[in-house]
């Protein structure tokens, strides 16, 4: 068991807890991100609007991934069984 495995094993409970909190408070987090983005955009008088919007979108996507809301493309979902049984030898 290597160093990486030890660190991963010790951080797993923390990741699970953070994931649970992100699931519980996802709406509040997203509302806070929107509020902060609006405040920064007003302070900069719209000069960095596109960058603020991009950053906010990335932060929301990361929060969704952390909360396991976006499970598309992971390959962990159920698979469709084959349409016909394999041929017998």
Protein backbone atom coordinates (compact mmCIF):
# COMPACT_ATOMS: atom_id res chain seq x y z
CA UNK A 1 0.00 0.00 0.00
CA UNK A 2 1.62 3.21 -1.18
CA UNK A 3 1.55 6.73 0.14
CA UNK A 4 -1.16 7.74 -2.31
CA UNK A 5 -3.39 4.90 -1.14
CA UNK A 6 -2.92 5.94 2.49
CA UNK A 7 -3.82 9.56 1.76
CA UNK A 8 -6.81 8.51 -0.32
CA UNK A 9 -8.08 6.24 2.47
CA UNK A 10 -7.75 8.98 5.08
CA UNK A 11 -9.48 11.63 2.95
CA UNK A 12 -12.38 9.45 1.84
CA UNK A 13 -14.58 10.19 4.90
CA UNK A 14 -14.00 13.92 4.47
CA UNK A 15 -14.96 13.74 0.78
CA UNK A 16 -18.13 11.86 1.65
CA UNK A 17 -19.07 14.47 4.25
CA UNK A 18 -18.43 17.38 1.87
CA UNK A 19 -20.43 15.60 -0.81
CA UNK A 20 -23.36 15.18 1.59
CA UNK A 21 -23.23 18.85 2.57
CA UNK A 22 -23.14 19.88 -1.09
CA UNK A 23 -26.25 17.75 -1.71
CA UNK A 24 -28.08 19.23 1.27
CA UNK A 25 -27.19 22.87 0.66
CA UNK A 26 -26.75 22.97 -3.12
CA UNK A 27 -29.41 25.63 -3.63
CA UNK A 28 -27.89 27.90 -0.98
CA UNK A 29 -24.43 27.48 -2.48
CA UNK A 30 -25.62 28.31 -5.98
CA UNK A 31 -27.55 31.31 -4.68
CA UNK A 32 -24.39 32.52 -2.91
CA UNK A 33 -22.34 32.09 -6.09
CA UNK A 34 -24.88 34.14 -8.04
CA UNK A 35 -24.97 36.83 -5.37
CA UNK A 36 -21.18 37.07 -5.23
CA UNK A 37 -20.93 37.19 -9.03
CA UNK A 38 -23.48 39.99 -9.18
CA UNK A 39 -21.64 41.99 -6.51
CA UNK A 40 -18.28 41.62 -8.27
CA UNK A 41 -19.83 42.47 -11.63
CA UNK A 42 -21.34 45.65 -10.18
CA UNK A 43 -18.04 46.64 -8.54
CA UNK A 44 -16.13 46.20 -11.81
CA UNK A 45 -18.91 48.02 -13.72
CA UNK A 46 -19.38 45.09 -16.10
CA UNK A 47 -15.79 45.21 -17.36
CA UNK A 48 -15.21 41.50 -16.57
CA UNK A 49 -18.77 40.23 -17.02
CA UNK A 50 -17.85 37.41 -19.38
CA UNK A 51 -15.07 36.14 -17.13
CA UNK A 52 -17.25 36.35 -14.03
CA UNK A 53 -20.02 34.44 -15.82
CA UNK A 54 -17.55 31.76 -16.97
CA UNK A 55 -16.07 31.38 -13.49
CA UNK A 56 -19.47 31.15 -11.87
CA UNK A 57 -20.54 28.47 -14.34
CA UNK A 58 -17.40 26.44 -13.65
CA UNK A 59 -17.90 26.75 -9.89
CA UNK A 60 -21.50 25.57 -10.18
CA UNK A 61 -20.47 22.63 -12.37
CA UNK A 62 -17.78 21.64 -9.86
CA UNK A 63 -20.30 21.83 -7.02
CA UNK A 64 -22.73 19.65 -8.97
CA UNK A 65 -19.99 17.07 -9.61
CA UNK A 66 -19.09 17.11 -5.93
CA UNK A 67 -22.73 16.54 -4.99
CA UNK A 68 -22.93 13.70 -7.57
CA UNK A 69 -25.77 15.43 -9.40
CA UNK A 70 -24.06 15.13 -12.79
CA UNK A 71 -23.38 11.41 -13.23
CA UNK A 72 -23.43 11.42 -17.03
CA UNK A 73 -20.52 9.84 -18.82
CA UNK A 74 -18.97 8.10 -15.83
CA UNK A 75 -19.75 4.60 -17.00
CA UNK A 76 -20.91 3.55 -13.54
CA UNK A 77 -24.57 3.34 -14.45
CA UNK A 78 -26.51 0.22 -15.38
CA UNK A 79 -25.76 -1.28 -18.76
CA UNK A 80 -28.27 -2.54 -21.27
CA UNK A 81 -28.23 -6.33 -21.62
CA UNK A 82 -27.49 -7.73 -25.08
CA UNK A 83 -30.53 -8.09 -27.32
CA UNK A 84 -29.96 -11.81 -27.86
CA UNK A 85 -28.15 -14.48 -25.86
CA UNK A 86 -24.65 -15.38 -27.02
CA UNK A 87 -24.42 -18.41 -29.33
CA UNK A 88 -23.75 -21.74 -27.67
CA UNK A 89 -20.70 -23.70 -28.88
